C-alpha atoms as a PDB file:
ATOM      1  CA  MET A   1     -19.598 -26.905  67.969  1.00  0.00           C
ATOM      2  CA  ALA A   2     -16.041 -26.861  66.232  1.00  0.00           C
ATOM      3  CA  PHE A   3     -14.519 -24.494  64.157  1.00  0.00           C
ATOM      4  CA  SER A   4     -12.241 -25.044  61.017  1.00  0.00           C
ATOM      5  CA  VAL A   5      -9.706 -23.159  59.343  1.00  0.00           C
ATOM      6  CA  ALA A   6      -7.859 -23.833  56.126  1.00  0.00           C
ATOM      7  CA  MET A   7      -4.915 -21.414  55.905  1.00  0.00           C
ATOM      8  CA  VAL A   8      -2.158 -20.910  53.042  1.00  0.00           C
ATOM      9  CA  ILE A   9       1.184 -19.340  54.009  1.00  0.00           C
ATOM     10  CA  GLY A  10       4.134 -18.012  51.957  1.00  0.00           C
ATOM     11  CA  ASN A  11       7.020 -15.898  51.961  1.00  0.00           C
ATOM     12  CA  ARG A  12       6.877 -14.471  48.188  1.00  0.00           C
ATOM     13  CA  LYS A  13      10.152 -15.706  47.605  1.00  0.00           C
ATOM     14  CA  GLY A  14       9.242 -19.389  46.307  1.00  0.00           C
ATOM     15  CA  LYS A  15       7.802 -20.875  49.576  1.00  0.00           C
ATOM     16  CA  VAL A  16       4.197 -21.614  49.992  1.00  0.00           C
ATOM     17  CA  GLY A  17       2.337 -24.286  52.200  1.00  0.00           C
ATOM     18  CA  LEU A  18      -1.269 -25.078  53.159  1.00  0.00           C
ATOM     19  CA  GLY A  19      -2.676 -26.284  56.081  1.00  0.00           C
ATOM     20  CA  THR A  20      -6.088 -27.062  58.025  1.00  0.00           C
ATOM     21  CA  GLY A  21      -6.805 -27.040  61.384  1.00  0.00           C
ATOM     22  CA  LYS A  22     -10.032 -27.822  63.980  1.00  0.00           C
ATOM     23  CA  GLY A  23     -10.683 -26.802  67.414  1.00  0.00           C
ATOM     24  CA  ILE A  24     -13.412 -25.897  69.705  1.00  0.00           C
ATOM     25  CA  ASP A  25     -11.888 -22.124  69.549  1.00  0.00           C
ATOM     26  CA  THR A  26     -10.964 -20.072  66.234  1.00  0.00           C
ATOM     27  CA  ALA A  27      -7.581 -19.131  68.005  1.00  0.00           C
ATOM     28  CA  ILE A  28      -6.712 -22.807  68.561  1.00  0.00           C
ATOM     29  CA  SER A  29      -8.008 -23.535  64.902  1.00  0.00           C
ATOM     30  CA  ILE A  30      -5.743 -20.815  63.345  1.00  0.00           C
ATOM     31  CA  GLU A  31      -2.700 -22.202  65.387  1.00  0.00           C
ATOM     32  CA  LYS A  32      -3.458 -25.809  64.504  1.00  0.00           C
ATOM     33  CA  ALA A  33      -3.840 -24.592  60.842  1.00  0.00           C
ATOM     34  CA  LEU A  34      -0.337 -22.747  60.896  1.00  0.00           C
ATOM     35  CA  ARG A  35       1.477 -25.249  62.218  1.00  0.00           C
ATOM     36  CA  ALA A  36       0.220 -27.679  59.474  1.00  0.00           C
ATOM     37  CA  ALA A  37       0.935 -25.171  56.689  1.00  0.00           C
ATOM     38  CA  LYS A  38       4.486 -24.853  58.100  1.00  0.00           C
ATOM     39  CA  LYS A  39       5.327 -28.766  57.889  1.00  0.00           C
ATOM     40  CA  ASN A  40       3.938 -28.674  54.240  1.00  0.00           C
ATOM     41  CA  LEU A  41       5.737 -26.008  52.866  1.00  0.00           C
ATOM     42  CA  VAL A  42       6.768 -26.589  49.219  1.00  0.00           C
ATOM     43  CA  THR A  43       9.640 -24.777  47.482  1.00  0.00           C
ATOM     44  CA  VAL A  44       9.107 -23.390  44.071  1.00  0.00           C
ATOM     45  CA  GLU A  45      12.081 -22.550  41.784  1.00  0.00           C
ATOM     46  CA  LEU A  46      11.389 -19.556  40.140  1.00  0.00           C
ATOM     47  CA  THR A  47      12.710 -18.289  36.914  1.00  0.00           C
ATOM     48  CA  LYS A  48      14.353 -14.674  36.491  1.00  0.00           C
ATOM     49  CA  ASP A  49      10.918 -12.989  35.677  1.00  0.00           C
ATOM     50  CA  ARG A  50       9.279 -14.760  38.747  1.00  0.00           C
ATOM     51  CA  SER A  51       7.535 -17.332  36.460  1.00  0.00           C
ATOM     52  CA  ILE A  52       7.534 -21.168  36.448  1.00  0.00           C
ATOM     53  CA  ARG A  53       9.793 -23.265  34.247  1.00  0.00           C
ATOM     54  CA  HIS A  54       7.260 -25.341  31.978  1.00  0.00           C
ATOM     55  CA  ASN A  55       3.395 -25.690  31.719  1.00  0.00           C
ATOM     56  CA  ILE A  56       2.038 -28.180  34.479  1.00  0.00           C
ATOM     57  CA  TYR A  57      -1.362 -29.775  34.568  1.00  0.00           C
ATOM     58  CA  ASN A  58      -2.927 -31.164  38.112  1.00  0.00           C
ATOM     59  CA  LYS A  59      -5.663 -33.028  39.545  1.00  0.00           C
ATOM     60  CA  TYR A  60      -6.541 -33.215  43.126  1.00  0.00           C
ATOM     61  CA  SER A  61      -9.773 -35.025  44.140  1.00  0.00           C
ATOM     62  CA  SER A  62     -12.331 -33.339  41.481  1.00  0.00           C
ATOM     63  CA  ALA A  63     -10.316 -30.000  41.102  1.00  0.00           C
ATOM     64  CA  LYS A  64      -8.335 -29.538  38.077  1.00  0.00           C
ATOM     65  CA  VAL A  65      -5.925 -26.654  37.566  1.00  0.00           C
ATOM     66  CA  ARG A  66      -3.683 -25.684  34.516  1.00  0.00           C
ATOM     67  CA  LEU A  67      -0.503 -23.558  35.122  1.00  0.00           C
ATOM     68  CA  GLU A  68       1.601 -22.003  31.914  1.00  0.00           C
ATOM     69  CA  PRO A  69       4.160 -19.350  32.392  1.00  0.00           C
ATOM     70  CA  ALA A  70       3.028 -16.247  30.539  1.00  0.00           C
ATOM     71  CA  PRO A  71       6.422 -13.615  30.278  1.00  0.00           C
ATOM     72  CA  SER A  72       5.517 -10.270  30.899  1.00  0.00           C
ATOM     73  CA  ARG A  73       1.574 -10.694  31.339  1.00  0.00           C
ATOM     74  CA  GLY A  74       1.319 -10.697  35.024  1.00  0.00           C
ATOM     75  CA  LEU A  75      -0.867 -13.195  37.303  1.00  0.00           C
ATOM     76  CA  VAL A  76      -3.917 -14.027  35.359  1.00  0.00           C
ATOM     77  CA  ALA A  77      -5.629 -16.452  37.748  1.00  0.00           C
ATOM     78  CA  GLY A  78      -8.780 -16.510  39.953  1.00  0.00           C
ATOM     79  CA  SER A  79     -10.076 -17.987  43.195  1.00  0.00           C
ATOM     80  CA  ALA A  80      -7.666 -20.077  45.346  1.00  0.00           C
ATOM     81  CA  VAL A  81      -4.998 -20.475  42.513  1.00  0.00           C
ATOM     82  CA  ARG A  82      -4.374 -16.463  42.778  1.00  0.00           C
ATOM     83  CA  ASP A  83      -4.103 -16.629  46.578  1.00  0.00           C
ATOM     84  CA  VAL A  84      -1.580 -19.506  46.377  1.00  0.00           C
ATOM     85  CA  LEU A  85       0.519 -18.047  43.522  1.00  0.00           C
ATOM     86  CA  GLU A  86       0.818 -14.655  45.032  1.00  0.00           C
ATOM     87  CA  LEU A  87       1.909 -16.072  48.450  1.00  0.00           C
ATOM     88  CA  ALA A  88       4.411 -18.044  46.487  1.00  0.00           C
ATOM     89  CA  GLY A  89       5.857 -14.758  44.955  1.00  0.00           C
ATOM     90  CA  ILE A  90       4.812 -16.178  41.219  1.00  0.00           C
ATOM     91  CA  THR A  91       3.873 -13.065  39.119  1.00  0.00           C
ATOM     92  CA  ASN A  92       3.959 -14.280  35.322  1.00  0.00           C
ATOM     93  CA  VAL A  93       1.791 -17.143  35.074  1.00  0.00           C
ATOM     94  CA  ASN A  94      -1.766 -17.761  33.342  1.00  0.00           C
ATOM     95  CA  ALA A  95      -3.673 -20.182  35.572  1.00  0.00           C
ATOM     96  CA  LYS A  96      -6.892 -21.798  34.629  1.00  0.00           C
ATOM     97  CA  ILE A  97      -9.291 -23.913  36.934  1.00  0.00           C
ATOM     98  CA  LEU A  98     -10.878 -26.773  34.685  1.00  0.00           C
ATOM     99  CA  SER A  99     -12.954 -27.941  37.239  1.00  0.00           C
ATOM    100  CA  PRO A 100     -16.733 -28.658  37.732  1.00  0.00           C
ATOM    101  CA  SER A 101     -16.230 -28.459  41.449  1.00  0.00           C
ATOM    102  CA  LYS A 102     -15.644 -24.865  42.930  1.00  0.00           C
ATOM    103  CA  ASN A 103     -14.189 -26.306  46.108  1.00  0.00           C
ATOM    104  CA  LYS A 104     -11.588 -23.603  47.158  1.00  0.00           C
ATOM    105  CA  LEU A 105      -9.388 -26.161  49.264  1.00  0.00           C
ATOM    106  CA  ASN A 106      -9.374 -28.718  46.738  1.00  0.00           C
ATOM    107  CA  ILE A 107      -8.344 -25.944  44.154  1.00  0.00           C
ATOM    108  CA  ALA A 108      -5.618 -24.615  46.671  1.00  0.00           C
ATOM    109  CA  LYS A 109      -4.345 -28.277  47.078  1.00  0.00           C
ATOM    110  CA  ALA A 110      -4.013 -28.919  43.392  1.00  0.00           C
ATOM    111  CA  THR A 111      -2.229 -25.861  42.667  1.00  0.00           C
ATOM    112  CA  ILE A 112       0.042 -26.548  45.845  1.00  0.00           C
ATOM    113  CA  GLU A 113       0.601 -30.094  44.360  1.00  0.00           C
ATOM    114  CA  ALA A 114       1.145 -28.604  40.702  1.00  0.00           C
ATOM    115  CA  LEU A 115       3.976 -26.223  42.189  1.00  0.00           C
ATOM    116  CA  SER A 116       5.601 -29.176  43.677  1.00  0.00           C
ATOM    117  CA  MET A 117       6.054 -31.202  40.318  1.00  0.00           C
ATOM    118  CA  ILE A 118       7.997 -28.295  38.744  1.00  0.00           C
ATOM    119  CA  LYS A 119      11.218 -29.700  37.476  1.00  0.00           C
ATOM    120  CA  LYS A 120      14.303 -28.485  39.272  1.00  0.00           C
ATOM    121  CA  SER A 121      17.125 -26.914  36.985  1.00  0.00           C
ATOM    122  CA  LYS A 122      20.389 -28.892  36.833  1.00  0.00           C
ATOM    123  CA  PRO A 123      23.390 -26.910  38.195  1.00  0.00           C
ATOM    124  CA  LYS A 124      25.552 -25.774  35.474  1.00  0.00           C
ATOM    125  CA  PRO A 125      29.014 -27.059  35.502  1.00  0.00           C
ATOM    126  CA  VAL A 126      31.829 -24.818  36.536  1.00  0.00           C
ATOM    127  CA  ALA A 127      34.474 -24.341  33.851  1.00  0.00           C
ATOM    128  CA  THR A 128      37.889 -24.855  35.286  1.00  0.00           C
ATOM    129  CA  THR A 129      41.181 -24.202  33.486  1.00  0.00           C
ATOM    130  CA  THR A 130      44.559 -26.146  34.393  1.00  0.00           C
ATOM    131  CA  ALA A 131      47.833 -24.840  33.665  1.00  0.00           C
END
């Protein structure tokens, strides 16, 4: 007999990760999942209103997820998508699960992959004046 654990971790400031672990004891499984989640951390660049920059659609296995920025609307998401977005610190997003399957692990993986696809903003050039 073995125990299997899936774990999502985040700092609510733009970092989120997902890990799975298997072991003969629950404590060992949790420890393995935590280590795997720390290895797989994704950094998400948030806007000022704690949203995402643009619409994203991602598919992982049979899980399909769509995320769109929703200023001043709050977090509108369900299932594993909501858990991942909350732990990432994202608050103004409208999310939709378009999957026929309701496998929460695949939905969470699709969400994290989608968040990793967000395009980074380019640093603004600093204006310098010479005398």
